[in-house]
C-alpha atoms as a PDB file:
ATOM      1  CA  UNK A   1     -53.230  13.483 -37.228  1.00  0.00           C
ATOM      2  CA  UNK A   2     -51.397  11.738 -34.438  1.00  0.00           C
ATOM      3  CA  UNK A   3     -47.763  10.866 -34.969  1.00  0.00           C
ATOM      4  CA  UNK A   4     -46.006   8.239 -32.936  1.00  0.00           C
ATOM      5  CA  UNK A   5     -42.663   9.428 -31.651  1.00  0.00           C
ATOM      6  CA  UNK A   6     -40.194   6.585 -31.458  1.00  0.00           C
ATOM      7  CA  UNK A   7     -36.999   6.506 -29.448  1.00  0.00           C
ATOM      8  CA  UNK A   8     -33.749   6.208 -31.374  1.00  0.00           C
ATOM      9  CA  UNK A   9     -32.665   2.619 -31.561  1.00  0.00           C
ATOM     10  CA  UNK A  10     -29.750   1.682 -29.327  1.00  0.00           C
ATOM     11  CA  UNK A  11     -27.076  -0.225 -31.151  1.00  0.00           C
ATOM     12  CA  UNK A  12     -24.720  -2.698 -29.506  1.00  0.00           C
ATOM     13  CA  UNK A  13     -21.982  -0.110 -29.875  1.00  0.00           C
ATOM     14  CA  UNK A  14     -24.217   2.369 -28.092  1.00  0.00           C
ATOM     15  CA  UNK A  15     -24.719  -0.011 -25.180  1.00  0.00           C
ATOM     16  CA  UNK A  16     -20.981  -0.591 -24.955  1.00  0.00           C
ATOM     17  CA  UNK A  17     -20.411   3.150 -24.880  1.00  0.00           C
ATOM     18  CA  UNK A  18     -23.068   3.548 -22.160  1.00  0.00           C
ATOM     19  CA  UNK A  19     -21.454   0.887 -20.011  1.00  0.00           C
ATOM     20  CA  UNK A  20     -18.104   2.549 -20.498  1.00  0.00           C
ATOM     21  CA  UNK A  21     -19.441   5.811 -19.082  1.00  0.00           C
ATOM     22  CA  UNK A  22     -20.531   4.251 -15.786  1.00  0.00           C
ATOM     23  CA  UNK A  23     -17.302   2.689 -14.565  1.00  0.00           C
ATOM     24  CA  UNK A  24     -17.514   1.992 -10.832  1.00  0.00           C
ATOM     25  CA  UNK A  25     -14.798   1.688  -8.221  1.00  0.00           C
ATOM     26  CA  UNK A  26     -14.294  -0.288  -5.009  1.00  0.00           C
ATOM     27  CA  UNK A  27     -11.790   0.896  -2.408  1.00  0.00           C
ATOM     28  CA  UNK A  28     -10.203  -1.983  -0.476  1.00  0.00           C
ATOM     29  CA  UNK A  29      -8.559  -1.415   2.919  1.00  0.00           C
ATOM     30  CA  UNK A  30      -6.909  -3.918   5.255  1.00  0.00           C
ATOM     31  CA  UNK A  31      -6.246  -2.874   8.840  1.00  0.00           C
ATOM     32  CA  UNK A  32      -5.286  -3.829  12.381  1.00  0.00           C
ATOM     33  CA  UNK A  33      -5.550  -1.530  15.413  1.00  0.00           C
ATOM     34  CA  UNK A  34      -5.761   1.578  13.236  1.00  0.00           C
ATOM     35  CA  UNK A  35      -8.220   3.721  15.193  1.00  0.00           C
ATOM     36  CA  UNK A  36      -5.807   6.668  14.980  1.00  0.00           C
ATOM     37  CA  UNK A  37      -5.738   6.572  11.170  1.00  0.00           C
ATOM     38  CA  UNK A  38      -8.772   4.776   9.782  1.00  0.00           C
ATOM     39  CA  UNK A  39     -11.253   7.661   9.942  1.00  0.00           C
ATOM     40  CA  UNK A  40      -9.034   9.934   7.848  1.00  0.00           C
ATOM     41  CA  UNK A  41      -8.637   7.154   5.294  1.00  0.00           C
ATOM     42  CA  UNK A  42     -12.367   6.405   5.150  1.00  0.00           C
ATOM     43  CA  UNK A  43     -13.353  10.070   4.928  1.00  0.00           C
ATOM     44  CA  UNK A  44     -11.200  10.320   1.805  1.00  0.00           C
ATOM     45  CA  UNK A  45     -12.853   7.178   0.380  1.00  0.00           C
ATOM     46  CA  UNK A  46     -16.517   8.260   0.557  1.00  0.00           C
ATOM     47  CA  UNK A  47     -16.610   9.237  -3.117  1.00  0.00           C
ATOM     48  CA  UNK A  48     -16.270   5.594  -4.219  1.00  0.00           C
ATOM     49  CA  UNK A  49     -19.299   3.415  -4.958  1.00  0.00           C
ATOM     50  CA  UNK A  50     -18.070   0.749  -2.527  1.00  0.00           C
ATOM     51  CA  UNK A  51     -15.682   0.502   0.430  1.00  0.00           C
ATOM     52  CA  UNK A  52     -14.425  -2.917   1.560  1.00  0.00           C
ATOM     53  CA  UNK A  53     -12.628  -3.148   4.924  1.00  0.00           C
ATOM     54  CA  UNK A  54     -10.884  -6.323   6.106  1.00  0.00           C
ATOM     55  CA  UNK A  55      -9.786  -6.170   9.729  1.00  0.00           C
ATOM     56  CA  UNK A  56      -7.340  -8.574  11.386  1.00  0.00           C
ATOM     57  CA  UNK A  57      -9.197  -8.843  14.714  1.00  0.00           C
ATOM     58  CA  UNK A  58      -8.374  -5.356  15.989  1.00  0.00           C
ATOM     59  CA  UNK A  59      -8.550  -4.754  19.734  1.00  0.00           C
ATOM     60  CA  UNK A  60      -9.329  -1.040  19.501  1.00  0.00           C
ATOM     61  CA  UNK A  61     -12.154   0.961  17.865  1.00  0.00           C
ATOM     62  CA  UNK A  62     -11.049   0.305  14.267  1.00  0.00           C
ATOM     63  CA  UNK A  63     -14.050  -1.869  13.347  1.00  0.00           C
ATOM     64  CA  UNK A  64     -16.528   0.413  15.100  1.00  0.00           C
ATOM     65  CA  UNK A  65     -15.256   3.387  13.103  1.00  0.00           C
ATOM     66  CA  UNK A  66     -15.197   1.435   9.829  1.00  0.00           C
ATOM     67  CA  UNK A  67     -18.858   0.463  10.222  1.00  0.00           C
ATOM     68  CA  UNK A  68     -19.793   4.140  10.226  1.00  0.00           C
ATOM     69  CA  UNK A  69     -18.714   4.269   6.572  1.00  0.00           C
ATOM     70  CA  UNK A  70     -19.551   0.867   5.082  1.00  0.00           C
ATOM     71  CA  UNK A  71     -21.469  -2.317   5.821  1.00  0.00           C
ATOM     72  CA  UNK A  72     -18.799  -4.373   4.047  1.00  0.00           C
ATOM     73  CA  UNK A  73     -16.527  -4.857   7.064  1.00  0.00           C
ATOM     74  CA  UNK A  74     -14.988  -8.302   7.509  1.00  0.00           C
ATOM     75  CA  UNK A  75     -12.952  -9.670  10.402  1.00  0.00           C
ATOM     76  CA  UNK A  76     -10.580 -12.599   9.970  1.00  0.00           C
ATOM     77  CA  UNK A  77      -7.330 -13.818  11.466  1.00  0.00           C
ATOM     78  CA  UNK A  78      -4.148 -12.487   9.890  1.00  0.00           C
ATOM     79  CA  UNK A  79      -2.932 -14.848   7.113  1.00  0.00           C
ATOM     80  CA  UNK A  80      -0.284 -12.493   5.705  1.00  0.00           C
ATOM     81  CA  UNK A  81      -0.397  -9.417   3.484  1.00  0.00           C
ATOM     82  CA  UNK A  82      -1.005 -11.186   0.184  1.00  0.00           C
ATOM     83  CA  UNK A  83      -3.828 -13.449   1.354  1.00  0.00           C
ATOM     84  CA  UNK A  84      -5.522 -10.638   3.269  1.00  0.00           C
ATOM     85  CA  UNK A  85      -5.419  -8.239   0.330  1.00  0.00           C
ATOM     86  CA  UNK A  86      -6.656 -10.892  -2.094  1.00  0.00           C
ATOM     87  CA  UNK A  87      -9.511 -11.674   0.319  1.00  0.00           C
ATOM     88  CA  UNK A  88     -10.489  -7.996   0.278  1.00  0.00           C
ATOM     89  CA  UNK A  89     -10.293  -8.077  -3.510  1.00  0.00           C
ATOM     90  CA  UNK A  90     -12.624 -11.105  -3.600  1.00  0.00           C
ATOM     91  CA  UNK A  91     -15.275  -9.153  -1.678  1.00  0.00           C
ATOM     92  CA  UNK A  92     -15.275  -6.202  -4.089  1.00  0.00           C
ATOM     93  CA  UNK A  93     -17.825  -6.115  -6.907  1.00  0.00           C
ATOM     94  CA  UNK A  94     -17.060  -3.049  -9.017  1.00  0.00           C
ATOM     95  CA  UNK A  95     -15.142  -2.542 -12.249  1.00  0.00           C
ATOM     96  CA  UNK A  96     -12.060  -0.960 -10.698  1.00  0.00           C
ATOM     97  CA  UNK A  97     -10.119  -1.565  -7.482  1.00  0.00           C
ATOM     98  CA  UNK A  98      -8.226   1.065  -5.513  1.00  0.00           C
ATOM     99  CA  UNK A  99      -6.185  -0.522  -2.724  1.00  0.00           C
ATOM    100  CA  UNK A 100      -5.435   1.864   0.138  1.00  0.00           C
ATOM    101  CA  UNK A 101      -3.680   1.340   3.477  1.00  0.00           C
ATOM    102  CA  UNK A 102      -5.279   2.596   6.681  1.00  0.00           C
ATOM    103  CA  UNK A 103      -2.507   5.173   7.170  1.00  0.00           C
ATOM    104  CA  UNK A 104      -3.098   6.676   3.723  1.00  0.00           C
ATOM    105  CA  UNK A 105      -5.429   9.385   2.442  1.00  0.00           C
ATOM    106  CA  UNK A 106      -6.734   9.896  -1.087  1.00  0.00           C
ATOM    107  CA  UNK A 107      -6.137  13.532  -1.967  1.00  0.00           C
ATOM    108  CA  UNK A 108      -9.009  15.356  -3.652  1.00  0.00           C
ATOM    109  CA  UNK A 109      -6.922  15.983  -6.756  1.00  0.00           C
ATOM    110  CA  UNK A 110      -6.197  12.247  -6.967  1.00  0.00           C
ATOM    111  CA  UNK A 111      -9.904  11.462  -6.623  1.00  0.00           C
ATOM    112  CA  UNK A 112     -10.708  13.708  -9.590  1.00  0.00           C
ATOM    113  CA  UNK A 113      -7.881  12.233 -11.648  1.00  0.00           C
ATOM    114  CA  UNK A 114      -8.974   8.654 -10.969  1.00  0.00           C
ATOM    115  CA  UNK A 115     -12.598   9.392 -11.893  1.00  0.00           C
ATOM    116  CA  UNK A 116     -11.523  10.981 -15.164  1.00  0.00           C
ATOM    117  CA  UNK A 117      -8.947   8.319 -16.025  1.00  0.00           C
ATOM    118  CA  UNK A 118     -11.142   5.248 -15.640  1.00  0.00           C
ATOM    119  CA  UNK A 119     -13.771   6.765 -17.955  1.00  0.00           C
ATOM    120  CA  UNK A 120     -11.344   7.091 -20.841  1.00  0.00           C
ATOM    121  CA  UNK A 121     -11.815   4.703 -23.725  1.00  0.00           C
ATOM    122  CA  UNK A 122      -8.061   4.111 -23.811  1.00  0.00           C
ATOM    123  CA  UNK A 123      -7.706   3.585 -20.046  1.00  0.00           C
ATOM    124  CA  UNK A 124      -4.898   1.241 -19.035  1.00  0.00           C
ATOM    125  CA  UNK A 125      -5.458  -1.896 -16.967  1.00  0.00           C
ATOM    126  CA  UNK A 126      -3.589  -0.579 -13.940  1.00  0.00           C
ATOM    127  CA  UNK A 127      -1.992   2.622 -12.651  1.00  0.00           C
ATOM    128  CA  UNK A 128       0.939   3.543 -10.451  1.00  0.00           C
ATOM    129  CA  UNK A 129       0.271   6.408  -8.055  1.00  0.00           C
ATOM    130  CA  UNK A 130       2.954   8.675  -6.518  1.00  0.00           C
ATOM    131  CA  UNK A 131       2.878   8.545  -2.730  1.00  0.00           C
ATOM    132  CA  UNK A 132       3.741  11.576  -0.596  1.00  0.00           C
ATOM    133  CA  UNK A 133       4.812  10.619   2.937  1.00  0.00           C
ATOM    134  CA  UNK A 134       4.680  12.830   6.029  1.00  0.00           C
ATOM    135  CA  UNK A 135       6.934  12.125   9.021  1.00  0.00           C
ATOM    136  CA  UNK A 136       8.052  14.160  12.006  1.00  0.00           C
ATOM    137  CA  UNK A 137       5.586  16.850  10.973  1.00  0.00           C
ATOM    138  CA  UNK A 138       6.857  17.405   7.432  1.00  0.00           C
ATOM    139  CA  UNK A 139       6.698  16.087   3.880  1.00  0.00           C
ATOM    140  CA  UNK A 140       9.665  13.819   3.214  1.00  0.00           C
ATOM    141  CA  UNK A 141      10.669  14.816  -0.306  1.00  0.00           C
ATOM    142  CA  UNK A 142      13.963  12.911  -0.362  1.00  0.00           C
ATOM    143  CA  UNK A 143      15.482   9.987   1.598  1.00  0.00           C
ATOM    144  CA  UNK A 144      14.075   7.562  -0.996  1.00  0.00           C
ATOM    145  CA  UNK A 145      10.526   8.405   0.120  1.00  0.00           C
ATOM    146  CA  UNK A 146       9.264  10.243  -2.970  1.00  0.00           C
ATOM    147  CA  UNK A 147       7.743   9.711  -5.500  1.00  0.00           C
ATOM    148  CA  UNK A 148       7.510   6.075  -4.264  1.00  0.00           C
ATOM    149  CA  UNK A 149       5.050   5.112  -7.032  1.00  0.00           C
ATOM    150  CA  UNK A 150       2.621   2.395  -5.925  1.00  0.00           C
ATOM    151  CA  UNK A 151       0.548   0.203  -8.250  1.00  0.00           C
ATOM    152  CA  UNK A 152      -2.796   0.497  -6.463  1.00  0.00           C
ATOM    153  CA  UNK A 153      -5.463   1.203  -9.093  1.00  0.00           C
ATOM    154  CA  UNK A 154      -6.436  -1.616 -11.444  1.00  0.00           C
ATOM    155  CA  UNK A 155      -9.321  -3.311 -13.216  1.00  0.00           C
ATOM    156  CA  UNK A 156     -10.825  -5.946 -10.933  1.00  0.00           C
ATOM    157  CA  UNK A 157     -10.591  -8.688 -13.554  1.00  0.00           C
ATOM    158  CA  UNK A 158      -7.013  -7.789 -14.495  1.00  0.00           C
ATOM    159  CA  UNK A 159      -5.050  -7.794 -11.248  1.00  0.00           C
ATOM    160  CA  UNK A 160      -4.318  -9.672  -8.030  1.00  0.00           C
ATOM    161  CA  UNK A 161      -1.733  -9.606  -5.247  1.00  0.00           C
ATOM    162  CA  UNK A 162       1.480 -11.650  -5.398  1.00  0.00           C
ATOM    163  CA  UNK A 163       4.882 -11.615  -3.687  1.00  0.00           C
ATOM    164  CA  UNK A 164       6.452 -12.660  -0.409  1.00  0.00           C
ATOM    165  CA  UNK A 165       5.658 -11.986   3.253  1.00  0.00           C
ATOM    166  CA  UNK A 166       6.616  -8.360   2.746  1.00  0.00           C
ATOM    167  CA  UNK A 167       6.943  -6.267  -0.399  1.00  0.00           C
ATOM    168  CA  UNK A 168       3.708  -7.611  -1.837  1.00  0.00           C
ATOM    169  CA  UNK A 169       2.742  -6.236  -5.239  1.00  0.00           C
ATOM    170  CA  UNK A 170      -0.103  -6.272  -7.739  1.00  0.00           C
ATOM    171  CA  UNK A 171       0.308  -8.460 -10.812  1.00  0.00           C
ATOM    172  CA  UNK A 172      -1.458  -6.900 -13.804  1.00  0.00           C
ATOM    173  CA  UNK A 173      -2.518  -8.775 -16.914  1.00  0.00           C
ATOM    174  CA  UNK A 174      -2.246  -5.790 -19.213  1.00  0.00           C
ATOM    175  CA  UNK A 175      -0.825  -2.296 -19.564  1.00  0.00           C
ATOM    176  CA  UNK A 176       0.156  -0.099 -16.636  1.00  0.00           C
ATOM    177  CA  UNK A 177       0.025   3.705 -16.704  1.00  0.00           C
ATOM    178  CA  UNK A 178       1.064   6.517 -14.356  1.00  0.00           C
ATOM    179  CA  UNK A 179      -1.107   8.991 -12.475  1.00  0.00           C
ATOM    180  CA  UNK A 180       0.145  12.474 -11.575  1.00  0.00           C
ATOM    181  CA  UNK A 181      -1.553  13.309  -8.283  1.00  0.00           C
ATOM    182  CA  UNK A 182      -0.401  12.048  -4.903  1.00  0.00           C
ATOM    183  CA  UNK A 183      -1.672   9.461  -2.488  1.00  0.00           C
ATOM    184  CA  UNK A 184      -0.958  10.897   0.973  1.00  0.00           C
ATOM    185  CA  UNK A 185       0.840   8.664   3.477  1.00  0.00           C
ATOM    186  CA  UNK A 186       1.272   9.081   7.249  1.00  0.00           C
ATOM    187  CA  UNK A 187       3.620   6.245   8.286  1.00  0.00           C
ATOM    188  CA  UNK A 188       4.629   5.281  11.837  1.00  0.00           C
ATOM    189  CA  UNK A 189       2.005   7.678  13.265  1.00  0.00           C
ATOM    190  CA  UNK A 190       4.661  10.306  12.558  1.00  0.00           C
ATOM    191  CA  UNK A 191       6.791   9.241  15.552  1.00  0.00           C
ATOM    192  CA  UNK A 192      10.138   7.571  16.174  1.00  0.00           C
ATOM    193  CA  UNK A 193       8.495   4.992  18.457  1.00  0.00           C
ATOM    194  CA  UNK A 194       6.092   4.072  15.665  1.00  0.00           C
ATOM    195  CA  UNK A 195       8.984   3.694  13.252  1.00  0.00           C
ATOM    196  CA  UNK A 196      10.977   1.486  15.641  1.00  0.00           C
ATOM    197  CA  UNK A 197       7.926  -0.759  16.119  1.00  0.00           C
ATOM    198  CA  UNK A 198       7.564  -1.056  12.351  1.00  0.00           C
ATOM    199  CA  UNK A 199      11.266  -1.862  12.000  1.00  0.00           C
ATOM    200  CA  UNK A 200      10.923  -4.641  14.571  1.00  0.00           C
ATOM    201  CA  UNK A 201       7.929  -6.188  12.801  1.00  0.00           C
ATOM    202  CA  UNK A 202       9.239  -5.984   9.243  1.00  0.00           C
ATOM    203  CA  UNK A 203      12.818  -7.002  10.079  1.00  0.00           C
ATOM    204  CA  UNK A 204      11.475 -10.316  11.393  1.00  0.00           C
ATOM    205  CA  UNK A 205       9.586 -10.949   8.152  1.00  0.00           C
ATOM    206  CA  UNK A 206      12.553  -9.940   6.007  1.00  0.00           C
ATOM    207  CA  UNK A 207      14.934 -12.155   7.992  1.00  0.00           C
ATOM    208  CA  UNK A 208      12.575 -15.117   7.577  1.00  0.00           C
ATOM    209  CA  UNK A 209      12.334 -14.468   3.833  1.00  0.00           C
ATOM    210  CA  UNK A 210      16.106 -14.338   3.447  1.00  0.00           C
ATOM    211  CA  UNK A 211      16.579 -17.467   5.555  1.00  0.00           C
ATOM    212  CA  UNK A 212      14.066 -19.418   3.453  1.00  0.00           C
ATOM    213  CA  UNK A 213      15.895 -18.264   0.322  1.00  0.00           C
ATOM    214  CA  UNK A 214      19.113 -19.797   1.645  1.00  0.00           C
ATOM    215  CA  UNK A 215      20.893 -16.716   2.989  1.00  0.00           C
ATOM    216  CA  UNK A 216      22.897 -17.250   6.183  1.00  0.00           C
ATOM    217  CA  UNK A 217      24.284 -14.935   8.827  1.00  0.00           C
ATOM    218  CA  UNK A 218      27.536 -13.118   8.067  1.00  0.00           C
ATOM    219  CA  UNK A 219      29.420 -11.035  10.629  1.00  0.00           C
ATOM    220  CA  UNK A 220      31.042  -9.191   7.737  1.00  0.00           C
ATOM    221  CA  UNK A 221      27.647  -8.096   6.361  1.00  0.00           C
ATOM    222  CA  UNK A 222      26.350  -7.283   9.844  1.00  0.00           C
ATOM    223  CA  UNK A 223      29.204  -4.811  10.281  1.00  0.00           C
ATOM    224  CA  UNK A 224      29.236  -3.522   6.696  1.00  0.00           C
ATOM    225  CA  UNK A 225      25.636  -3.119   5.551  1.00  0.00           C
ATOM    226  CA  UNK A 226      24.202  -0.791   8.274  1.00  0.00           C
ATOM    227  CA  UNK A 227      26.733   2.062   7.763  1.00  0.00           C
ATOM    228  CA  UNK A 228      26.427   1.682   3.996  1.00  0.00           C
ATOM    229  CA  UNK A 229      22.659   1.994   4.351  1.00  0.00           C
ATOM    230  CA  UNK A 230      23.027   5.207   6.344  1.00  0.00           C
ATOM    231  CA  UNK A 231      25.333   6.696   3.693  1.00  0.00           C
ATOM    232  CA  UNK A 232      22.957   5.637   0.913  1.00  0.00           C
ATOM    233  CA  UNK A 233      19.867   7.224   2.500  1.00  0.00           C
ATOM    234  CA  UNK A 234      21.443  10.352   3.971  1.00  0.00           C
ATOM    235  CA  UNK A 235      23.815  11.302   1.158  1.00  0.00           C
ATOM    236  CA  UNK A 236      22.971   9.508  -2.092  1.00  0.00           C
ATOM    237  CA  UNK A 237      19.186   9.755  -1.574  1.00  0.00           C
ATOM    238  CA  UNK A 238      19.599  13.307  -0.259  1.00  0.00           C
ATOM    239  CA  UNK A 239      18.146  12.676   3.184  1.00  0.00           C
ATOM    240  CA  UNK A 240      20.230  15.608   4.421  1.00  0.00           C
ATOM    241  CA  UNK A 241      17.792  17.891   2.557  1.00  0.00           C
ATOM    242  CA  UNK A 242      14.933  16.598   4.722  1.00  0.00           C
ATOM    243  CA  UNK A 243      16.403  18.163   7.847  1.00  0.00           C
ATOM    244  CA  UNK A 244      16.347  16.322  11.157  1.00  0.00           C
ATOM    245  CA  UNK A 245      13.650  13.985   9.834  1.00  0.00           C
ATOM    246  CA  UNK A 246      16.027  12.898   7.062  1.00  0.00           C
ATOM    247  CA  UNK A 247      18.760  12.146   9.605  1.00  0.00           C
ATOM    248  CA  UNK A 248      16.323  10.097  11.712  1.00  0.00           C
ATOM    249  CA  UNK A 249      15.188   8.146   8.646  1.00  0.00           C
ATOM    250  CA  UNK A 250      18.786   7.401   7.621  1.00  0.00           C
ATOM    251  CA  UNK A 251      19.694   6.300  11.134  1.00  0.00           C
ATOM    252  CA  UNK A 252      16.643   4.068  11.563  1.00  0.00           C
ATOM    253  CA  UNK A 253      17.220   2.606   8.085  1.00  0.00           C
ATOM    254  CA  UNK A 254      20.710   1.583   9.206  1.00  0.00           C
ATOM    255  CA  UNK A 255      19.254   0.235  12.441  1.00  0.00           C
ATOM    256  CA  UNK A 256      16.685  -1.787  10.459  1.00  0.00           C
ATOM    257  CA  UNK A 257      19.490  -3.359   8.437  1.00  0.00           C
ATOM    258  CA  UNK A 258      21.404  -4.189  11.627  1.00  0.00           C
ATOM    259  CA  UNK A 259      18.360  -5.770  13.306  1.00  0.00           C
ATOM    260  CA  UNK A 260      17.580  -7.827  10.219  1.00  0.00           C
ATOM    261  CA  UNK A 261      21.025  -9.464  10.272  1.00  0.00           C
ATOM    262  CA  UNK A 262      20.850 -10.075  14.027  1.00  0.00           C
ATOM    263  CA  UNK A 263      17.491 -11.809  13.542  1.00  0.00           C
ATOM    264  CA  UNK A 264      18.938 -13.840  10.684  1.00  0.00           C
ATOM    265  CA  UNK A 265      21.666 -14.967  13.098  1.00  0.00           C
ATOM    266  CA  UNK A 266      19.017 -15.972  15.625  1.00  0.00           C
ATOM    267  CA  UNK A 267      17.223 -18.046  12.983  1.00  0.00           C
ATOM    268  CA  UNK A 268      20.466 -19.826  12.119  1.00  0.00           C
ATOM    269  CA  UNK A 269      21.003 -20.619  15.801  1.00  0.00           C
ATOM    270  CA  UNK A 270      17.469 -21.918  16.151  1.00  0.00           C
ATOM    271  CA  UNK A 271      17.839 -24.551  13.428  1.00  0.00           C
ATOM    272  CA  UNK A 272      21.268 -25.642  14.585  1.00  0.00           C
ATOM    273  CA  UNK A 273      23.279 -23.773  11.966  1.00  0.00           C
ATOM    274  CA  UNK A 274      25.339 -22.085  14.675  1.00  0.00           C
ATOM    275  CA  UNK A 275      27.300 -19.022  13.471  1.00  0.00           C
ATOM    276  CA  UNK A 276      30.941 -18.946  14.479  1.00  0.00           C
ATOM    277  CA  UNK A 277      30.535 -15.406  15.838  1.00  0.00           C
END
């Protein structure tokens, strides 16, 4: 006698459980002239189902390198951090988004943790990730650099980028959790010249933000805030424990504060609100 063997019937709950077990992730990267960093970042991203790269018209080999790792490489003029990151987000198709900068690297332990976390039935809607920065050839454990938790992992339908010209952030419609393993960060190409260039770029954006918010130049603050910033970073944030690198960070942090107020003064001059000094 022949017996027909039937497959167990899949219930709706079973289908939901099956879908839950195949969560997919898209890694989104924005970049500009990052040929020195982008390969390291992309190598650490190969485990993801999708990599999306949005380039701001780089003049070096950034795009050429990116195309070795993904066919989802887009070039567009720079509209600002928020618009560029949201554009990258719009090109991603998977369940989860991991936003990574070109000078960052996803550690293997973080990769494993992310894979495990997004498969959990009680997974949050977004996650903050500790970021470990390396500068002047060493890990900067103090100076306000660590743990520097960044909200970078989130469900695609639950988050988007908001904020100002700098200090953009992810807005999450839901719960946010914490991951334990580090995202590795290599800022300024590890050099003082790279840091000074970054200070120049970001101080302009910060000065413009403050000016638009109604802040005006003050000689008192120009003289007061930079030394206070040095004391804060070097002593209160224990930069002295980071050796010479900590001293450099404290000094350039004070310099960044000084430059920001000088640029605010220049903006006031430009619109006819001439400072007295």
